[in-house]
């Protein structure tokens, strides 16, 4: 079973046969499968429930906004506001490439709290990278979202057995 998460399921399921056939052929070409029906695999379309916590969705939206010429700060700050209102603990958006002039730049935008190292980063962070093709060159968009699946406390939570030590802070695993 191959699951495809879409933000607007109605558009994909309206003409079920044509869109799903196109998706199957793209998957077969991408992964060098001879036939999905021969392997008893089917494509299932599901709705992406939490768009704000999906780094892939947010990176794709930012890429489109930059491509369409929306000013960088307006696009990034509106995406960060949407992500934090969606319940994320923190977000970091990195834009790199030829933004204004001849020289390439990297701009980082941060909001909230975000773990940047160790095993908790791997478990509680959603990351996506997209590339926008502009007239001057390629601009990279990287979105890192700290998911609300962990509870953050200060060192007062040192007595908890289900916590991970982060130096001066402790991270409690949500049960």
Protein backbone atom coordinates (compact mmCIF):
# COMPACT_ATOMS: atom_id res chain seq x y z
CA UNK A 1 0.00 0.00 0.00
CA UNK A 2 1.39 3.38 -1.02
CA UNK A 3 -0.03 6.37 0.86
CA UNK A 4 -0.09 9.81 -0.73
CA UNK A 5 -0.82 12.69 1.63
CA UNK A 6 -2.54 15.64 -0.05
CA UNK A 7 -3.79 18.91 1.40
CA UNK A 8 -6.74 19.04 -0.98
CA UNK A 9 -8.08 15.55 -1.46
CA UNK A 10 -11.10 16.70 -3.48
CA UNK A 11 -8.93 17.71 -6.43
CA UNK A 12 -7.25 14.30 -6.54
CA UNK A 13 -10.39 12.23 -6.13
CA UNK A 14 -12.62 14.29 -8.46
CA UNK A 15 -11.35 12.56 -11.59
CA UNK A 16 -10.24 9.46 -9.75
CA UNK A 17 -9.14 7.42 -12.71
CA UNK A 18 -6.94 10.00 -14.45
CA UNK A 19 -5.12 11.36 -11.38
CA UNK A 20 -4.54 7.99 -9.77
CA UNK A 21 -3.32 6.47 -13.05
CA UNK A 22 -0.90 9.37 -13.43
CA UNK A 23 0.32 8.93 -9.85
CA UNK A 24 0.84 5.19 -10.39
CA UNK A 25 2.83 5.76 -13.57
CA UNK A 26 5.01 8.41 -11.87
CA UNK A 27 5.72 6.07 -8.94
CA UNK A 28 6.56 3.21 -11.31
CA UNK A 29 9.00 5.41 -13.24
CA UNK A 30 10.58 6.92 -10.12
CA UNK A 31 11.22 3.66 -8.28
CA UNK A 32 11.77 1.39 -11.32
CA UNK A 33 8.79 -0.82 -10.56
CA UNK A 34 7.52 -2.79 -13.52
CA UNK A 35 3.91 -2.78 -12.40
CA UNK A 36 2.24 -1.84 -9.15
CA UNK A 37 -0.73 -4.09 -9.90
CA UNK A 38 1.59 -7.10 -10.36
CA UNK A 39 2.99 -6.50 -6.86
CA UNK A 40 -0.53 -6.09 -5.40
CA UNK A 41 0.24 -2.51 -4.38
CA UNK A 42 -2.39 0.18 -4.46
CA UNK A 43 -2.19 3.96 -4.17
CA UNK A 44 -4.27 5.46 -1.35
CA UNK A 45 -4.88 9.22 -1.12
CA UNK A 46 -5.26 10.65 2.38
CA UNK A 47 -5.81 14.16 3.68
CA UNK A 48 -2.92 15.88 5.46
CA UNK A 49 -4.60 16.89 8.72
CA UNK A 50 -2.00 19.18 10.29
CA UNK A 51 -0.59 21.34 7.50
CA UNK A 52 1.08 23.65 10.00
CA UNK A 53 3.28 20.84 11.39
CA UNK A 54 4.30 19.42 8.01
CA UNK A 55 7.74 20.73 7.04
CA UNK A 56 7.31 19.44 3.46
CA UNK A 57 4.11 21.43 2.98
CA UNK A 58 5.55 24.60 4.48
CA UNK A 59 8.78 24.37 2.43
CA UNK A 60 6.77 23.87 -0.76
CA UNK A 61 4.56 26.88 0.05
CA UNK A 62 7.61 29.05 0.73
CA UNK A 63 9.22 27.90 -2.51
CA UNK A 64 6.12 28.87 -4.47
CA UNK A 65 5.87 32.27 -2.74
CA UNK A 66 9.51 33.05 -3.50
CA UNK A 67 9.07 31.91 -7.11
CA UNK A 68 6.01 34.14 -7.56
CA UNK A 69 7.98 37.17 -6.32
CA UNK A 70 6.44 37.77 -2.88
CA UNK A 71 8.94 39.65 -0.68
CA UNK A 72 11.10 37.28 1.33
CA UNK A 73 10.44 38.59 4.83
CA UNK A 74 6.68 38.72 4.32
CA UNK A 75 6.61 35.12 3.05
CA UNK A 76 8.84 33.77 5.82
CA UNK A 77 7.16 35.57 8.71
CA UNK A 78 3.67 34.56 7.56
CA UNK A 79 4.81 30.92 7.34
CA UNK A 80 6.39 31.11 10.81
CA UNK A 81 3.22 32.63 12.26
CA UNK A 82 1.10 29.86 10.69
CA UNK A 83 3.42 27.14 12.02
CA UNK A 84 3.49 28.48 15.58
CA UNK A 85 -0.29 28.96 15.65
CA UNK A 86 -0.58 25.34 14.56
CA UNK A 87 0.96 24.20 17.85
CA UNK A 88 4.68 23.84 17.07
CA UNK A 89 7.22 24.48 19.84
CA UNK A 90 9.57 26.32 17.51
CA UNK A 91 10.63 26.82 13.92
CA UNK A 92 13.76 27.73 11.99
CA UNK A 93 13.62 28.72 8.32
CA UNK A 94 16.86 29.06 6.34
CA UNK A 95 16.92 30.75 2.93
CA UNK A 96 20.17 30.61 0.99
CA UNK A 97 21.25 31.69 -2.48
CA UNK A 98 21.31 34.87 -4.54
CA UNK A 99 18.64 36.82 -2.72
CA UNK A 100 19.35 40.42 -3.77
CA UNK A 101 22.61 40.93 -5.58
CA UNK A 102 25.45 38.99 -7.16
CA UNK A 103 26.69 37.39 -3.95
CA UNK A 104 24.97 34.47 -2.31
CA UNK A 105 23.64 34.95 1.22
CA UNK A 106 22.15 32.78 3.93
CA UNK A 107 19.39 34.16 6.13
CA UNK A 108 18.08 32.32 9.16
CA UNK A 109 14.73 33.11 10.76
CA UNK A 110 13.97 31.65 14.22
CA UNK A 111 10.91 31.63 16.44
CA UNK A 112 10.12 29.67 19.56
CA UNK A 113 12.28 26.94 21.07
CA UNK A 114 14.14 24.40 18.93
CA UNK A 115 16.54 21.61 19.87
CA UNK A 116 19.50 21.56 17.49
CA UNK A 117 21.52 18.50 18.50
CA UNK A 118 21.31 14.97 19.80
CA UNK A 119 18.73 12.20 19.62
CA UNK A 120 15.77 14.44 20.64
CA UNK A 121 16.40 16.48 17.48
CA UNK A 122 15.98 13.36 15.37
CA UNK A 123 12.81 12.32 17.19
CA UNK A 124 11.03 15.64 17.62
CA UNK A 125 12.02 17.72 14.57
CA UNK A 126 10.48 17.68 11.11
CA UNK A 127 12.80 18.91 8.34
CA UNK A 128 12.34 19.58 4.62
CA UNK A 129 14.45 21.19 1.88
CA UNK A 130 13.15 22.64 -1.39
CA UNK A 131 14.83 24.59 -4.21
CA UNK A 132 13.33 27.57 -6.03
CA UNK A 133 14.54 28.30 -9.54
CA UNK A 134 14.78 32.06 -10.05
CA UNK A 135 16.21 34.21 -12.83
CA UNK A 136 19.47 34.84 -10.95
CA UNK A 137 19.96 31.25 -9.84
CA UNK A 138 18.77 28.64 -7.37
CA UNK A 139 17.51 29.61 -3.91
CA UNK A 140 17.34 26.92 -1.22
CA UNK A 141 14.58 26.78 1.38
CA UNK A 142 15.05 24.69 4.54
CA UNK A 143 12.27 24.41 7.13
CA UNK A 144 12.82 22.81 10.54
CA UNK A 145 9.82 22.48 12.86
CA UNK A 146 10.03 21.43 16.52
CA UNK A 147 6.95 19.24 16.92
CA UNK A 148 4.65 19.47 19.96
CA UNK A 149 5.24 15.78 20.76
CA UNK A 150 7.65 16.60 23.58
CA UNK A 151 7.21 18.57 26.76
CA UNK A 152 9.97 21.00 27.71
CA UNK A 153 10.75 21.88 31.30
CA UNK A 154 13.59 23.58 33.14
CA UNK A 155 15.94 21.77 35.51
CA UNK A 156 13.12 21.56 38.10
CA UNK A 157 12.10 18.32 36.39
CA UNK A 158 15.34 16.56 37.41
CA UNK A 159 13.39 14.05 39.52
CA UNK A 160 11.46 12.66 36.56
CA UNK A 161 12.56 9.19 35.47
CA UNK A 162 11.25 9.49 31.91
CA UNK A 163 13.30 12.58 31.10
CA UNK A 164 16.36 13.14 28.93
CA UNK A 165 19.14 15.39 30.20
CA UNK A 166 19.91 18.35 27.94
CA UNK A 167 22.48 20.06 30.14
CA UNK A 168 20.66 22.85 31.94
CA UNK A 169 17.24 21.65 30.67
CA UNK A 170 15.36 18.39 30.71
CA UNK A 171 13.13 16.96 28.03
CA UNK A 172 10.18 14.88 29.19
CA UNK A 173 8.86 12.24 26.85
CA UNK A 174 5.12 12.56 26.33
CA UNK A 175 3.23 9.38 27.15
